[in-house]
Amino acid sequence: GVIRSLGEPDAALVGHDLGGYLAWTAAVMRPKLVRRLAVSSMPHPRRWRSAMLSDVRQTTAGSYIWGFQRPWIPERQLVADEGALVGRLVREWSGPRQPDDEAVETYRRAMCIPSTAHCSVEPYRWMVRSMARPDGIQFNRRMKRPVRVPTLHLHGSLDPVMRTRSAAGSGQYVEAPYRWRLFDGLGHFPHEEDPVAFSTELINWLKDPEPDR
């Protein structure tokens, strides 16, 4: 809907974390609308599901997702003390190159906008609760369809919540030029921790007429 509202037939889609999960999904479910795909800090949904269920280290690293399954409590925690938890998570999940204070403060304020906390948590609840439900099983089955557009996969080597090992196997679901880029010394937010390196990598790839090189 966003792409068409802008009057465009398709787009290069870029997503981080949950946005990356949605970007992977869009490339499979609406292939005619996605010209290129760039994902940061998130495996392919089938790879994520497999890692969360079978890899003890990934299950432990993603423990915040299990915590989100509780009713109401996560929402209250996210907005308490003017979004203090948001600031703490951004700091803890980053590498040595921390996002600047202005960015963190912006995210804290954003989380305190009414209904934002609930809308932030609900998708993670669906990701877990749907695993054994018909809708989740059908989704997982449909995601077997390969991605058929050039794909750039970006990841921080120090990401503490999405292990490199979990993300790195996503190329098996791409039947198109696939480029894996691991940023040494960066954590879960490479676009915030080193925006110049991240943007340079992304823009150069978008401009490359032969992304399979």
C-alpha atoms as a PDB file:
ATOM      1  CA  GLY A   1       0.000   0.000   0.000  1.00  0.00           C
ATOM      2  CA  VAL A   2       2.842   2.419   0.811  1.00  0.00           C
ATOM      3  CA  ILE A   3       4.632   1.691  -2.458  1.00  0.00           C
ATOM      4  CA  ARG A   4       1.517   2.235  -4.527  1.00  0.00           C
ATOM      5  CA  SER A   5       0.533   5.349  -2.581  1.00  0.00           C
ATOM      6  CA  LEU A   6       3.813   6.876  -3.759  1.00  0.00           C
ATOM      7  CA  GLY A   7       2.869   6.169  -7.359  1.00  0.00           C
ATOM      8  CA  GLU A   8       5.614   3.584  -7.843  1.00  0.00           C
ATOM      9  CA  PRO A   9       5.261   0.120  -9.425  1.00  0.00           C
ATOM     10  CA  ASP A  10       7.898  -1.405  -7.124  1.00  0.00           C
ATOM     11  CA  ALA A  11      10.623  -0.506  -4.633  1.00  0.00           C
ATOM     12  CA  ALA A  12      13.931  -1.485  -3.107  1.00  0.00           C
ATOM     13  CA  LEU A  13      12.827  -2.589   0.340  1.00  0.00           C
ATOM     14  CA  VAL A  14      15.101  -2.145   3.372  1.00  0.00           C
ATOM     15  CA  GLY A  15      14.240  -3.480   6.824  1.00  0.00           C
ATOM     16  CA  HIS A  16      15.884  -3.937  10.230  1.00  0.00           C
ATOM     17  CA  ASP A  17      14.963  -6.523  12.888  1.00  0.00           C
ATOM     18  CA  LEU A  18      11.160  -6.882  12.815  1.00  0.00           C
ATOM     19  CA  GLY A  19      11.158  -4.623   9.750  1.00  0.00           C
ATOM     20  CA  GLY A  20      13.582  -7.094   8.198  1.00  0.00           C
ATOM     21  CA  TYR A  21      11.207  -9.948   9.027  1.00  0.00           C
ATOM     22  CA  LEU A  22       8.472  -8.061   7.181  1.00  0.00           C
ATOM     23  CA  ALA A  23      10.795  -7.250   4.288  1.00  0.00           C
ATOM     24  CA  TRP A  24      11.666 -10.932   3.821  1.00  0.00           C
ATOM     25  CA  THR A  25       7.933 -11.674   3.891  1.00  0.00           C
ATOM     26  CA  ALA A  26       7.052  -8.974   1.372  1.00  0.00           C
ATOM     27  CA  ALA A  27       9.685 -10.239  -1.078  1.00  0.00           C
ATOM     28  CA  VAL A  28       8.090 -13.701  -0.959  1.00  0.00           C
ATOM     29  CA  MET A  29       4.412 -12.761  -0.761  1.00  0.00           C
ATOM     30  CA  ARG A  30       4.462  -9.739  -3.119  1.00  0.00           C
ATOM     31  CA  PRO A  31       7.428 -10.375  -5.416  1.00  0.00           C
ATOM     32  CA  LYS A  32       6.241  -8.007  -8.151  1.00  0.00           C
ATOM     33  CA  LEU A  33       6.403  -5.066  -5.731  1.00  0.00           C
ATOM     34  CA  VAL A  34       9.960  -5.661  -4.500  1.00  0.00           C
ATOM     35  CA  ARG A  35      12.784  -4.758  -6.884  1.00  0.00           C
ATOM     36  CA  ARG A  36      15.617  -5.380  -4.426  1.00  0.00           C
ATOM     37  CA  LEU A  37      15.744  -6.521  -0.819  1.00  0.00           C
ATOM     38  CA  ALA A  38      18.086  -5.381   1.968  1.00  0.00           C
ATOM     39  CA  VAL A  39      17.758  -6.851   5.462  1.00  0.00           C
ATOM     40  CA  SER A  40      19.702  -5.999   8.605  1.00  0.00           C
ATOM     41  CA  SER A  41      19.944  -7.968  11.856  1.00  0.00           C
ATOM     42  CA  MET A  42      17.241 -10.514  11.030  1.00  0.00           C
ATOM     43  CA  PRO A  43      17.376 -14.002   9.483  1.00  0.00           C
ATOM     44  CA  HIS A  44      14.862 -15.241   6.956  1.00  0.00           C
ATOM     45  CA  PRO A  45      11.635 -16.074   8.885  1.00  0.00           C
ATOM     46  CA  ARG A  46      12.071 -19.822   8.403  1.00  0.00           C
ATOM     47  CA  ARG A  47      15.670 -19.581   9.541  1.00  0.00           C
ATOM     48  CA  TRP A  48      14.597 -17.506  12.566  1.00  0.00           C
ATOM     49  CA  ARG A  49      11.938 -20.048  13.511  1.00  0.00           C
ATOM     50  CA  SER A  50      14.355 -22.947  13.221  1.00  0.00           C
ATOM     51  CA  ALA A  51      17.036 -21.189  15.275  1.00  0.00           C
ATOM     52  CA  MET A  52      14.623 -20.171  18.038  1.00  0.00           C
ATOM     53  CA  LEU A  53      13.317 -23.741  18.355  1.00  0.00           C
ATOM     54  CA  SER A  54      16.531 -25.743  17.961  1.00  0.00           C
ATOM     55  CA  ASP A  55      19.488 -23.548  18.941  1.00  0.00           C
ATOM     56  CA  VAL A  56      19.712 -23.135  22.725  1.00  0.00           C
ATOM     57  CA  ARG A  57      22.073 -20.177  22.388  1.00  0.00           C
ATOM     58  CA  GLN A  58      19.694 -18.346  20.055  1.00  0.00           C
ATOM     59  CA  THR A  59      16.736 -19.166  22.282  1.00  0.00           C
ATOM     60  CA  THR A  60      18.617 -17.649  25.208  1.00  0.00           C
ATOM     61  CA  ALA A  61      19.767 -14.635  23.204  1.00  0.00           C
ATOM     62  CA  GLY A  62      16.172 -14.007  22.100  1.00  0.00           C
ATOM     63  CA  SER A  63      14.763 -14.344  25.599  1.00  0.00           C
ATOM     64  CA  TYR A  64      13.233 -10.863  25.359  1.00  0.00           C
ATOM     65  CA  ILE A  65      10.776 -12.267  22.803  1.00  0.00           C
ATOM     66  CA  TRP A  66       9.606 -14.875  25.313  1.00  0.00           C
ATOM     67  CA  GLY A  67       9.177 -12.088  27.874  1.00  0.00           C
ATOM     68  CA  PHE A  68       6.946 -10.202  25.443  1.00  0.00           C
ATOM     69  CA  GLN A  69       4.402 -13.031  25.582  1.00  0.00           C
ATOM     70  CA  ARG A  70       3.071 -11.862  28.944  1.00  0.00           C
ATOM     71  CA  PRO A  71      -0.075  -9.710  28.805  1.00  0.00           C
ATOM     72  CA  TRP A  72       0.193  -6.004  29.613  1.00  0.00           C
ATOM     73  CA  ILE A  73       3.410  -6.197  31.616  1.00  0.00           C
ATOM     74  CA  PRO A  74       5.800  -5.578  28.682  1.00  0.00           C
ATOM     75  CA  GLU A  75       3.829  -2.520  27.580  1.00  0.00           C
ATOM     76  CA  ARG A  76       4.017  -1.030  31.066  1.00  0.00           C
ATOM     77  CA  GLN A  77       7.723  -1.745  31.306  1.00  0.00           C
ATOM     78  CA  LEU A  78       8.446  -0.084  27.955  1.00  0.00           C
ATOM     79  CA  VAL A  79       6.814   3.219  28.906  1.00  0.00           C
ATOM     80  CA  ALA A  80       7.897   3.347  32.571  1.00  0.00           C
ATOM     81  CA  ASP A  81      10.237   6.216  33.522  1.00  0.00           C
ATOM     82  CA  GLU A  82       9.751   7.901  30.133  1.00  0.00           C
ATOM     83  CA  GLY A  83      10.873   4.874  28.155  1.00  0.00           C
ATOM     84  CA  ALA A  84      13.997   4.162  30.218  1.00  0.00           C
ATOM     85  CA  LEU A  85      13.930   0.466  29.235  1.00  0.00           C
ATOM     86  CA  VAL A  86      14.104   1.400  25.554  1.00  0.00           C
ATOM     87  CA  GLY A  87      17.265   3.387  26.174  1.00  0.00           C
ATOM     88  CA  ARG A  88      18.789   0.550  28.156  1.00  0.00           C
ATOM     89  CA  LEU A  89      18.049  -2.051  25.468  1.00  0.00           C
ATOM     90  CA  VAL A  90      19.516   0.126  22.725  1.00  0.00           C
ATOM     91  CA  ARG A  91      22.711   0.504  24.773  1.00  0.00           C
ATOM     92  CA  GLU A  92      22.941  -3.157  25.776  1.00  0.00           C
ATOM     93  CA  TRP A  93      22.298  -4.498  22.289  1.00  0.00           C
ATOM     94  CA  SER A  94      24.836  -2.199  20.616  1.00  0.00           C
ATOM     95  CA  GLY A  95      28.543  -2.813  20.233  1.00  0.00           C
ATOM     96  CA  PRO A  96      31.284  -0.478  21.503  1.00  0.00           C
ATOM     97  CA  ARG A  97      30.168   2.224  19.059  1.00  0.00           C
ATOM     98  CA  GLN A  98      27.020   3.347  20.819  1.00  0.00           C
ATOM     99  CA  PRO A  99      24.202   5.314  19.123  1.00  0.00           C
ATOM    100  CA  ASP A 100      24.309   8.972  20.079  1.00  0.00           C
ATOM    101  CA  ASP A 101      22.261  10.305  22.997  1.00  0.00           C
ATOM    102  CA  GLU A 102      19.913  12.244  20.719  1.00  0.00           C
ATOM    103  CA  ALA A 103      18.890   9.112  18.851  1.00  0.00           C
ATOM    104  CA  VAL A 104      18.285   7.166  22.054  1.00  0.00           C
ATOM    105  CA  GLU A 105      16.211  10.004  23.510  1.00  0.00           C
ATOM    106  CA  THR A 106      14.125  10.104  20.332  1.00  0.00           C
ATOM    107  CA  TYR A 107      13.332   6.398  20.604  1.00  0.00           C
ATOM    108  CA  ARG A 108      12.412   6.767  24.254  1.00  0.00           C
ATOM    109  CA  ARG A 109       9.960   9.559  23.459  1.00  0.00           C
ATOM    110  CA  ALA A 110       8.495   7.632  20.540  1.00  0.00           C
ATOM    111  CA  MET A 111       7.755   4.602  22.704  1.00  0.00           C
ATOM    112  CA  CYS A 112       5.717   6.792  25.059  1.00  0.00           C
ATOM    113  CA  ILE A 113       3.278   7.851  22.341  1.00  0.00           C
ATOM    114  CA  PRO A 114      -0.071   6.236  23.279  1.00  0.00           C
ATOM    115  CA  SER A 115      -0.533   2.702  21.864  1.00  0.00           C
ATOM    116  CA  THR A 116       3.032   2.545  20.507  1.00  0.00           C
ATOM    117  CA  ALA A 117       4.231   0.073  23.134  1.00  0.00           C
ATOM    118  CA  HIS A 118       1.333  -2.287  22.462  1.00  0.00           C
ATOM    119  CA  CYS A 119       1.816  -2.101  18.693  1.00  0.00           C
ATOM    120  CA  SER A 120       5.547  -2.750  19.177  1.00  0.00           C
ATOM    121  CA  VAL A 121       5.011  -5.908  21.211  1.00  0.00           C
ATOM    122  CA  GLU A 122       2.085  -7.532  19.395  1.00  0.00           C
ATOM    123  CA  PRO A 123       4.028  -8.687  16.295  1.00  0.00           C
ATOM    124  CA  TYR A 124       6.499 -10.562  18.531  1.00  0.00           C
ATOM    125  CA  ARG A 125       3.582 -12.214  20.283  1.00  0.00           C
ATOM    126  CA  TRP A 126       2.266 -13.399  16.929  1.00  0.00           C
ATOM    127  CA  MET A 127       5.687 -14.710  15.875  1.00  0.00           C
ATOM    128  CA  VAL A 128       5.764 -17.043  18.884  1.00  0.00           C
ATOM    129  CA  ARG A 129       2.112 -17.878  19.473  1.00  0.00           C
ATOM    130  CA  SER A 130       1.413 -18.667  15.825  1.00  0.00           C
ATOM    131  CA  MET A 131       4.116 -21.341  15.603  1.00  0.00           C
ATOM    132  CA  ALA A 132       1.652 -24.085  16.511  1.00  0.00           C
ATOM    133  CA  ARG A 133      -1.470 -22.431  15.071  1.00  0.00           C
ATOM    134  CA  PRO A 134      -2.852 -22.934  11.556  1.00  0.00           C
ATOM    135  CA  ASP A 135      -2.037 -19.360  10.507  1.00  0.00           C
ATOM    136  CA  GLY A 136       1.594 -19.672  11.586  1.00  0.00           C
ATOM    137  CA  ILE A 137       2.003 -23.113  10.045  1.00  0.00           C
ATOM    138  CA  GLN A 138       0.548 -21.841   6.771  1.00  0.00           C
ATOM    139  CA  PHE A 139       2.830 -18.792   6.875  1.00  0.00           C
ATOM    140  CA  ASN A 140       5.897 -20.953   7.465  1.00  0.00           C
ATOM    141  CA  ARG A 141       4.897 -23.194   4.560  1.00  0.00           C
ATOM    142  CA  ARG A 142       4.377 -20.248   2.199  1.00  0.00           C
ATOM    143  CA  MET A 143       7.770 -18.839   3.132  1.00  0.00           C
ATOM    144  CA  LYS A 144       9.385 -21.868   1.484  1.00  0.00           C
ATOM    145  CA  ARG A 145       9.002 -19.964  -1.773  1.00  0.00           C
ATOM    146  CA  PRO A 146      12.425 -18.584  -2.678  1.00  0.00           C
ATOM    147  CA  VAL A 147      13.273 -14.897  -2.827  1.00  0.00           C
ATOM    148  CA  ARG A 148      13.946 -14.086  -6.482  1.00  0.00           C
ATOM    149  CA  VAL A 149      15.307 -10.537  -6.260  1.00  0.00           C
ATOM    150  CA  PRO A 150      18.868  -9.368  -5.498  1.00  0.00           C
ATOM    151  CA  THR A 151      19.329  -9.466  -1.741  1.00  0.00           C
ATOM    152  CA  LEU A 152      21.774  -7.708   0.573  1.00  0.00           C
ATOM    153  CA  HIS A 153      22.035  -9.171   4.061  1.00  0.00           C
ATOM    154  CA  LEU A 154      23.717  -6.961   6.681  1.00  0.00           C
ATOM    155  CA  HIS A 155      24.679  -8.021  10.187  1.00  0.00           C
ATOM    156  CA  GLY A 156      26.770  -6.880  13.130  1.00  0.00           C
ATOM    157  CA  SER A 157      29.360  -9.384  14.343  1.00  0.00           C
ATOM    158  CA  LEU A 158      28.673  -8.481  17.993  1.00  0.00           C
ATOM    159  CA  ASP A 159      24.878  -8.676  17.805  1.00  0.00           C
ATOM    160  CA  PRO A 160      23.895 -10.152  21.201  1.00  0.00           C
ATOM    161  CA  VAL A 161      20.245 -10.898  20.415  1.00  0.00           C
ATOM    162  CA  MET A 162      20.428 -12.259  16.862  1.00  0.00           C
ATOM    163  CA  ARG A 163      23.412 -14.548  16.538  1.00  0.00           C
ATOM    164  CA  THR A 164      25.510 -14.362  13.396  1.00  0.00           C
ATOM    165  CA  ARG A 165      25.142 -18.109  12.998  1.00  0.00           C
ATOM    166  CA  SER A 166      21.350 -17.783  12.967  1.00  0.00           C
ATOM    167  CA  ALA A 167      21.329 -15.069  10.307  1.00  0.00           C
ATOM    168  CA  ALA A 168      24.076 -16.444   8.064  1.00  0.00           C
ATOM    169  CA  GLY A 169      22.069 -19.428   6.793  1.00  0.00           C
ATOM    170  CA  SER A 170      19.404 -17.257   5.172  1.00  0.00           C
ATOM    171  CA  GLY A 171      21.005 -17.378   1.729  1.00  0.00           C
ATOM    172  CA  GLN A 172      19.547 -20.841   1.174  1.00  0.00           C
ATOM    173  CA  TYR A 173      16.160 -19.174   0.679  1.00  0.00           C
ATOM    174  CA  VAL A 174      17.367 -16.790  -2.034  1.00  0.00           C
ATOM    175  CA  GLU A 175      17.439 -17.818  -5.707  1.00  0.00           C
ATOM    176  CA  ALA A 176      18.992 -14.552  -6.863  1.00  0.00           C
ATOM    177  CA  PRO A 177      22.234 -12.651  -6.289  1.00  0.00           C
ATOM    178  CA  TYR A 178      22.806 -12.750  -2.535  1.00  0.00           C
ATOM    179  CA  ARG A 179      25.426 -10.645  -0.767  1.00  0.00           C
ATOM    180  CA  TRP A 180      26.312 -11.186   2.895  1.00  0.00           C
ATOM    181  CA  ARG A 181      28.026  -8.313   4.714  1.00  0.00           C
ATOM    182  CA  LEU A 182      29.233  -8.743   8.286  1.00  0.00           C
ATOM    183  CA  PHE A 183      30.214  -5.534  10.102  1.00  0.00           C
ATOM    184  CA  ASP A 184      33.037  -6.250  12.532  1.00  0.00           C
ATOM    185  CA  GLY A 185      32.659  -4.636  15.935  1.00  0.00           C
ATOM    186  CA  LEU A 186      29.013  -3.629  15.522  1.00  0.00           C
ATOM    187  CA  GLY A 187      25.992  -4.940  17.396  1.00  0.00           C
ATOM    188  CA  HIS A 188      22.274  -5.144  16.705  1.00  0.00           C
ATOM    189  CA  PHE A 189      21.919  -1.603  15.330  1.00  0.00           C
ATOM    190  CA  PRO A 190      24.641  -1.219  12.656  1.00  0.00           C
ATOM    191  CA  HIS A 191      22.747   1.637  10.983  1.00  0.00           C
ATOM    192  CA  GLU A 192      22.890   3.595  14.266  1.00  0.00           C
ATOM    193  CA  GLU A 193      26.310   2.486  15.470  1.00  0.00           C
ATOM    194  CA  ASP A 194      28.152   3.278  12.223  1.00  0.00           C
ATOM    195  CA  PRO A 195      25.688   5.051   9.905  1.00  0.00           C
ATOM    196  CA  VAL A 196      28.371   6.062   7.404  1.00  0.00           C
ATOM    197  CA  ALA A 197      29.628   2.504   6.836  1.00  0.00           C
ATOM    198  CA  PHE A 198      26.095   1.129   6.755  1.00  0.00           C
ATOM    199  CA  SER A 199      24.778   3.747   4.306  1.00  0.00           C
ATOM    200  CA  THR A 200      27.843   3.425   2.078  1.00  0.00           C
ATOM    201  CA  GLU A 201      27.408  -0.345   1.832  1.00  0.00           C
ATOM    202  CA  LEU A 202      23.690  -0.028   1.103  1.00  0.00           C
ATOM    203  CA  ILE A 203      23.946   2.796  -1.453  1.00  0.00           C
ATOM    204  CA  ASN A 204      26.836   1.192  -3.343  1.00  0.00           C
ATOM    205  CA  TRP A 205      24.868  -2.043  -3.585  1.00  0.00           C
ATOM    206  CA  LEU A 206      21.732  -0.240  -4.776  1.00  0.00           C
ATOM    207  CA  LYS A 207      23.776   1.505  -7.475  1.00  0.00           C
ATOM    208  CA  ASP A 208      25.538  -1.679  -8.579  1.00  0.00           C
ATOM    209  CA  PRO A 209      23.991  -2.887 -11.850  1.00  0.00           C
ATOM    210  CA  GLU A 210      25.574  -6.318 -11.253  1.00  0.00           C
ATOM    211  CA  PRO A 211      24.910  -7.103  -7.581  1.00  0.00           C
ATOM    212  CA  ASP A 212      26.020 -10.710  -8.030  1.00  0.00           C
ATOM    213  CA  ARG A 213      29.675  -9.812  -8.428  1.00  0.00           C
END
